[in-house]
PDB file of N, CA and C in Angstrom:
ATOM      1  N   MET A   1      15.112   8.149 -30.178  1.00  0.00           N
ATOM      2  CA  MET A   1      14.725   7.065 -31.277  1.00  0.00           C
ATOM      3  C   MET A   1      14.577   5.582 -30.805  1.00  0.00           C
ATOM      4  N   GLU A   2      14.031   4.799 -31.191  1.00  0.00           N
ATOM      5  CA  GLU A   2      13.183   4.164 -30.808  1.00  0.00           C
ATOM      6  C   GLU A   2      14.154   2.463 -31.839  1.00  0.00           C
ATOM      7  N   ALA A   3      14.154   1.309 -30.992  1.00  0.00           N
ATOM      8  CA  ALA A   3      15.616   0.482 -31.529  1.00  0.00           C
ATOM      9  C   ALA A   3      14.986  -0.070 -33.158  1.00  0.00           C
ATOM     10  N   ALA A   4      15.520  -0.835 -33.198  1.00  0.00           N
ATOM     11  CA  ALA A   4      15.453  -1.721 -34.529  1.00  0.00           C
ATOM     12  C   ALA A   4      15.047  -2.650 -34.090  1.00  0.00           C
ATOM     13  N   ARG A   5      13.513  -3.340 -34.954  1.00  0.00           N
ATOM     14  CA  ARG A   5      12.638  -4.349 -34.655  1.00  0.00           C
ATOM     15  C   ARG A   5      12.551  -5.480 -35.966  1.00  0.00           C
ATOM     16  N   ILE A   6      12.898  -6.343 -36.009  1.00  0.00           N
ATOM     17  CA  ILE A   6      12.419  -7.060 -37.209  1.00  0.00           C
ATOM     18  C   ILE A   6      11.339  -8.027 -36.985  1.00  0.00           C
ATOM     19  N   ALA A   7      10.758  -8.325 -38.473  1.00  0.00           N
ATOM     20  CA  ALA A   7       9.577  -8.931 -37.971  1.00  0.00           C
ATOM     21  C   ALA A   7       9.555 -10.007 -38.866  1.00  0.00           C
ATOM     22  N   THR A   8       8.968 -10.934 -38.794  1.00  0.00           N
ATOM     23  CA  THR A   8       9.420 -12.778 -39.780  1.00  0.00           C
ATOM     24  C   THR A   8       8.463 -12.620 -40.187  1.00  0.00           C
ATOM     25  N   SER A   9       7.187 -11.700 -40.110  1.00  0.00           N
ATOM     26  CA  SER A   9       6.255 -11.720 -40.871  1.00  0.00           C
ATOM     27  C   SER A   9       5.713 -10.860 -41.620  1.00  0.00           C
ATOM     28  N   ALA A  10       4.552 -10.599 -42.366  1.00  0.00           N
ATOM     29  CA  ALA A  10       4.010  -9.254 -43.286  1.00  0.00           C
ATOM     30  C   ALA A  10       3.173  -8.813 -42.238  1.00  0.00           C
ATOM     31  N   ARG A  11       2.671 -10.325 -41.329  1.00  0.00           N
ATOM     32  CA  ARG A  11       1.425  -9.639 -40.466  1.00  0.00           C
ATOM     33  C   ARG A  11       1.878  -9.174 -39.256  1.00  0.00           C
ATOM     34  N   GLU A  12       3.099  -9.349 -38.871  1.00  0.00           N
ATOM     35  CA  GLU A  12       4.183  -8.881 -38.037  1.00  0.00           C
ATOM     36  C   GLU A  12       3.997  -7.083 -38.146  1.00  0.00           C
ATOM     37  N   ALA A  13       4.357  -6.900 -39.302  1.00  0.00           N
ATOM     38  CA  ALA A  13       4.684  -5.491 -39.689  1.00  0.00           C
ATOM     39  C   ALA A  13       3.512  -4.732 -40.465  1.00  0.00           C
ATOM     40  N   SER A  14       2.748  -5.574 -39.929  1.00  0.00           N
ATOM     41  CA  SER A  14       1.638  -4.238 -40.971  1.00  0.00           C
ATOM     42  C   SER A  14       1.100  -3.236 -39.727  1.00  0.00           C
ATOM     43  N   GLY A  15       1.105  -3.589 -38.764  1.00  0.00           N
ATOM     44  CA  GLY A  15       1.448  -2.018 -37.949  1.00  0.00           C
ATOM     45  C   GLY A  15       1.946  -1.103 -38.148  1.00  0.00           C
ATOM     46  N   TRP A  16       3.342  -1.152 -38.353  1.00  0.00           N
ATOM     47  CA  TRP A  16       4.476  -0.492 -38.432  1.00  0.00           C
ATOM     48  C   TRP A  16       3.928   0.965 -39.326  1.00  0.00           C
ATOM     49  N   ARG A  17       4.434   2.221 -38.610  1.00  0.00           N
ATOM     50  CA  ARG A  17       4.280   3.448 -39.919  1.00  0.00           C
ATOM     51  C   ARG A  17       5.332   4.593 -40.189  1.00  0.00           C
ATOM     52  N   HIS A  18       6.322   3.624 -39.440  1.00  0.00           N
ATOM     53  CA  HIS A  18       7.671   3.947 -39.952  1.00  0.00           C
ATOM     54  C   HIS A  18       8.388   3.515 -41.145  1.00  0.00           C
ATOM     55  N   ALA A  19       9.658   3.936 -41.185  1.00  0.00           N
ATOM     56  CA  ALA A  19      10.543   2.663 -42.805  1.00  0.00           C
ATOM     57  C   ALA A  19      10.337   2.057 -42.255  1.00  0.00           C
ATOM     58  N   ALA A  20      10.676   1.375 -43.069  1.00  0.00           N
ATOM     59  CA  ALA A  20      10.880  -0.113 -42.573  1.00  0.00           C
ATOM     60  C   ALA A  20      12.244  -1.106 -44.072  1.00  0.00           C
ATOM     61  N   ALA A  21      12.963  -2.174 -44.102  1.00  0.00           N
ATOM     62  CA  ALA A  21      13.829  -2.306 -44.859  1.00  0.00           C
ATOM     63  C   ALA A  21      14.077  -3.790 -45.137  1.00  0.00           C
ATOM     64  N   VAL A  22      13.295  -4.472 -46.361  1.00  0.00           N
ATOM     65  CA  VAL A  22      12.745  -5.811 -46.768  1.00  0.00           C
ATOM     66  C   VAL A  22      14.255  -6.309 -46.825  1.00  0.00           C
ATOM     67  N   VAL A  23      14.216  -7.556 -46.610  1.00  0.00           N
ATOM     68  CA  VAL A  23      14.829  -8.620 -46.879  1.00  0.00           C
ATOM     69  C   VAL A  23      14.857  -9.246 -48.304  1.00  0.00           C
ATOM     70  N   ASP A  24      15.150  -9.353 -49.640  1.00  0.00           N
ATOM     71  CA  ASP A  24      15.421  -9.894 -50.667  1.00  0.00           C
ATOM     72  C   ASP A  24      15.686 -10.943 -50.724  1.00  0.00           C
ATOM     73  N   VAL A  25      14.959 -12.590 -50.369  1.00  0.00           N
ATOM     74  CA  VAL A  25      15.844 -13.818 -49.975  1.00  0.00           C
ATOM     75  C   VAL A  25      16.339 -14.410 -51.527  1.00  0.00           C
ATOM     76  N   LEU A  26      16.032 -13.957 -52.823  1.00  0.00           N
ATOM     77  CA  LEU A  26      16.766 -14.495 -54.099  1.00  0.00           C
ATOM     78  C   LEU A  26      17.890 -13.412 -53.984  1.00  0.00           C
ATOM     79  N   ARG A  27      17.616 -12.471 -53.739  1.00  0.00           N
ATOM     80  CA  ARG A  27      18.594 -11.893 -53.921  1.00  0.00           C
ATOM     81  C   ARG A  27      19.784 -12.454 -53.079  1.00  0.00           C
ATOM     82  N   CYS A  28      19.304 -12.616 -51.516  1.00  0.00           N
ATOM     83  CA  CYS A  28      20.385 -13.336 -50.884  1.00  0.00           C
ATOM     84  C   CYS A  28      21.169 -14.100 -51.304  1.00  0.00           C
ATOM     85  N   SER A  29      20.383 -15.284 -52.029  1.00  0.00           N
ATOM     86  CA  SER A  29      20.938 -16.295 -51.855  1.00  0.00           C
ATOM     87  C   SER A  29      21.747 -15.912 -53.616  1.00  0.00           C
ATOM     88  N   THR A  30      21.289 -15.137 -54.047  1.00  0.00           N
ATOM     89  CA  THR A  30      23.024 -14.956 -55.498  1.00  0.00           C
ATOM     90  C   THR A  30      23.989 -14.121 -54.737  1.00  0.00           C
ATOM     91  N   THR A  31      23.487 -13.548 -53.699  1.00  0.00           N
ATOM     92  CA  THR A  31      25.008 -13.166 -52.725  1.00  0.00           C
ATOM     93  C   THR A  31      25.690 -14.517 -52.804  1.00  0.00           C
ATOM     94  N   LEU A  32      24.962 -15.208 -51.978  1.00  0.00           N
ATOM     95  CA  LEU A  32      25.940 -16.723 -51.268  1.00  0.00           C
ATOM     96  C   LEU A  32      26.788 -16.497 -52.286  1.00  0.00           C
ATOM     97  N   CYS A  33      25.743 -17.273 -53.491  1.00  0.00           N
ATOM     98  CA  CYS A  33      26.491 -18.379 -54.422  1.00  0.00           C
ATOM     99  C   CYS A  33      27.506 -17.251 -55.279  1.00  0.00           C
ATOM    100  N   ALA A  34      27.756 -16.232 -55.343  1.00  0.00           N
ATOM    101  CA  ALA A  34      28.711 -14.878 -55.923  1.00  0.00           C
ATOM    102  C   ALA A  34      29.984 -14.968 -54.838  1.00  0.00           C
ATOM    103  N   LEU A  35      29.400 -15.122 -53.774  1.00  0.00           N
ATOM    104  CA  LEU A  35      30.318 -14.865 -52.651  1.00  0.00           C
ATOM    105  C   LEU A  35      31.862 -16.376 -52.516  1.00  0.00           C
ATOM    106  N   LEU A  36      30.806 -17.033 -52.792  1.00  0.00           N
ATOM    107  CA  LEU A  36      31.317 -18.485 -53.125  1.00  0.00           C
ATOM    108  C   LEU A  36      32.354 -19.197 -54.640  1.00  0.00           C
ATOM    109  N   ALA A  37      31.379 -18.516 -55.112  1.00  0.00           N
ATOM    110  CA  ALA A  37      31.422 -18.236 -56.662  1.00  0.00           C
ATOM    111  C   ALA A  37      33.279 -18.028 -56.925  1.00  0.00           C
ATOM    112  N   GLY A  38      33.483 -16.481 -55.487  1.00  0.00           N
ATOM    113  CA  GLY A  38      34.798 -15.484 -55.778  1.00  0.00           C
ATOM    114  C   GLY A  38      35.816 -15.982 -54.650  1.00  0.00           C
ATOM    115  N   GLY A  39      35.381 -17.365 -54.241  1.00  0.00           N
ATOM    116  CA  GLY A  39      36.110 -17.453 -53.610  1.00  0.00           C
ATOM    117  C   GLY A  39      35.904 -17.405 -52.085  1.00  0.00           C
ATOM    118  N   CYS A  40      35.375 -17.124 -51.438  1.00  0.00           N
ATOM    119  CA  CYS A  40      34.871 -17.316 -50.175  1.00  0.00           C
ATOM    120  C   CYS A  40      34.674 -18.661 -49.818  1.00  0.00           C
ATOM    121  N   PRO A  41      36.340 -18.469 -48.758  1.00  0.00           N
ATOM    122  CA  PRO A  41      36.372 -19.674 -47.559  1.00  0.00           C
ATOM    123  C   PRO A  41      34.541 -20.505 -47.398  1.00  0.00           C
ATOM    124  N   GLY A  42      33.901 -19.786 -46.975  1.00  0.00           N
ATOM    125  CA  GLY A  42      32.759 -20.728 -46.690  1.00  0.00           C
ATOM    126  C   GLY A  42      31.350 -19.676 -46.394  1.00  0.00           C
ATOM    127  N   VAL A  43      30.311 -19.983 -46.210  1.00  0.00           N
ATOM    128  CA  VAL A  43      29.302 -18.799 -45.633  1.00  0.00           C
ATOM    129  C   VAL A  43      28.468 -20.026 -43.976  1.00  0.00           C
ATOM    130  N   THR A  44      27.937 -19.331 -43.469  1.00  0.00           N
ATOM    131  CA  THR A  44      27.045 -19.554 -42.335  1.00  0.00           C
ATOM    132  C   THR A  44      26.429 -18.556 -42.636  1.00  0.00           C
ATOM    133  N   VAL A  45      24.877 -19.397 -42.778  1.00  0.00           N
ATOM    134  CA  VAL A  45      23.745 -18.436 -42.278  1.00  0.00           C
ATOM    135  C   VAL A  45      22.988 -19.015 -41.517  1.00  0.00           C
ATOM    136  N   TYR A  46      22.334 -17.952 -40.716  1.00  0.00           N
ATOM    137  CA  TYR A  46      21.071 -18.007 -39.322  1.00  0.00           C
ATOM    138  C   TYR A  46      20.496 -17.807 -39.306  1.00  0.00           C
ATOM    139  N   ALA A  47      19.499 -18.038 -39.150  1.00  0.00           N
ATOM    140  CA  ALA A  47      17.964 -17.630 -38.991  1.00  0.00           C
ATOM    141  C   ALA A  47      17.629 -16.497 -38.002  1.00  0.00           C
ATOM    142  N   ASP A  48      18.358 -16.601 -36.730  1.00  0.00           N
ATOM    143  CA  ASP A  48      18.308 -15.452 -36.042  1.00  0.00           C
ATOM    144  C   ASP A  48      19.234 -14.541 -36.133  1.00  0.00           C
ATOM    145  N   PRO A  49      18.736 -13.344 -36.346  1.00  0.00           N
ATOM    146  CA  PRO A  49      19.937 -12.165 -36.828  1.00  0.00           C
ATOM    147  C   PRO A  49      21.057 -12.324 -35.496  1.00  0.00           C
ATOM    148  N   ARG A  50      20.147 -12.334 -33.899  1.00  0.00           N
ATOM    149  CA  ARG A  50      20.987 -12.231 -32.935  1.00  0.00           C
ATOM    150  C   ARG A  50      22.416 -13.111 -32.947  1.00  0.00           C
ATOM    151  N   LEU A  51      21.886 -14.228 -33.480  1.00  0.00           N
ATOM    152  CA  LEU A  51      22.563 -15.314 -33.386  1.00  0.00           C
ATOM    153  C   LEU A  51      23.617 -14.968 -34.808  1.00  0.00           C
ATOM    154  N   ALA A  52      23.403 -14.458 -35.956  1.00  0.00           N
ATOM    155  CA  ALA A  52      24.712 -13.970 -36.037  1.00  0.00           C
ATOM    156  C   ALA A  52      25.575 -12.808 -36.047  1.00  0.00           C
ATOM    157  N   ALA A  53      24.697 -12.086 -35.119  1.00  0.00           N
ATOM    158  CA  ALA A  53      25.930 -10.941 -34.315  1.00  0.00           C
ATOM    159  C   ALA A  53      26.702 -11.477 -33.375  1.00  0.00           C
ATOM    160  N   ALA A  54      26.441 -12.386 -32.531  1.00  0.00           N
ATOM    161  CA  ALA A  54      27.473 -12.768 -31.526  1.00  0.00           C
ATOM    162  C   ALA A  54      28.318 -13.375 -32.421  1.00  0.00           C
ATOM    163  N   ALA A  55      27.884 -14.201 -33.422  1.00  0.00           N
ATOM    164  CA  ALA A  55      29.385 -15.235 -34.339  1.00  0.00           C
ATOM    165  C   ALA A  55      29.814 -14.163 -34.701  1.00  0.00           C
ATOM    166  N   SER A  56      29.648 -13.094 -35.240  1.00  0.00           N
ATOM    167  CA  SER A  56      30.404 -11.590 -35.932  1.00  0.00           C
ATOM    168  C   SER A  56      31.509 -11.323 -34.875  1.00  0.00           C
ATOM    169  N   ARG A  57      30.941 -11.305 -33.459  1.00  0.00           N
ATOM    170  CA  ARG A  57      31.608 -10.443 -32.456  1.00  0.00           C
ATOM    171  C   ARG A  57      33.077 -11.694 -32.117  1.00  0.00           C
ATOM    172  N   ARG A  58      32.422 -12.662 -31.860  1.00  0.00           N
ATOM    173  CA  ARG A  58      33.526 -14.265 -31.609  1.00  0.00           C
ATOM    174  C   ARG A  58      34.680 -14.330 -32.979  1.00  0.00           C
ATOM    175  N   ARG A  59      34.161 -13.397 -33.624  1.00  0.00           N
ATOM    176  CA  ARG A  59      35.361 -14.079 -34.958  1.00  0.00           C
ATOM    177  C   ARG A  59      35.115 -12.471 -36.139  1.00  0.00           C
ATOM    178  N   PRO A  60      35.988 -11.232 -35.153  1.00  0.00           N
ATOM    179  CA  PRO A  60      35.992 -10.497 -36.072  1.00  0.00           C
ATOM    180  C   PRO A  60      36.402  -9.894 -37.674  1.00  0.00           C
ATOM    181  N   GLU A  61      37.241 -11.295 -37.999  1.00  0.00           N
ATOM    182  CA  GLU A  61      38.238 -11.093 -39.219  1.00  0.00           C
ATOM    183  C   GLU A  61      36.963 -11.894 -40.385  1.00  0.00           C
ATOM    184  N   ALA A  62      35.508 -12.540 -39.854  1.00  0.00           N
ATOM    185  CA  ALA A  62      34.376 -12.866 -40.665  1.00  0.00           C
ATOM    186  C   ALA A  62      33.601 -11.598 -41.190  1.00  0.00           C
ATOM    187  N   GLU A  63      33.122 -11.437 -42.253  1.00  0.00           N
ATOM    188  CA  GLU A  63      32.283 -10.201 -42.333  1.00  0.00           C
ATOM    189  C   GLU A  63      30.588 -10.550 -42.309  1.00  0.00           C
ATOM    190  N   LEU A  64      29.793  -9.796 -41.738  1.00  0.00           N
ATOM    191  CA  LEU A  64      28.697 -10.223 -41.559  1.00  0.00           C
ATOM    192  C   LEU A  64      27.930  -9.190 -42.983  1.00  0.00           C
ATOM    193  N   PHE A  65      26.986 -10.087 -43.068  1.00  0.00           N
ATOM    194  CA  PHE A  65      26.059  -9.618 -44.184  1.00  0.00           C
ATOM    195  C   PHE A  65      24.322  -9.275 -44.155  1.00  0.00           C
TER     196      PHE A  65
END
């Protein structure tokens, strides 16, 4: 099985021939607002998924979306 890859642009993913997941930025911001409105004590947004994963490992009580 091939390792997961993350494209940061449509051009980068244009040659892909397998299934892909698309992140909907508007839905993401709506989720963030709902988390905060629901009492989540804080939200941190990372531009690099590797940084988010590293932060999640340092804080196992945190939820990673």
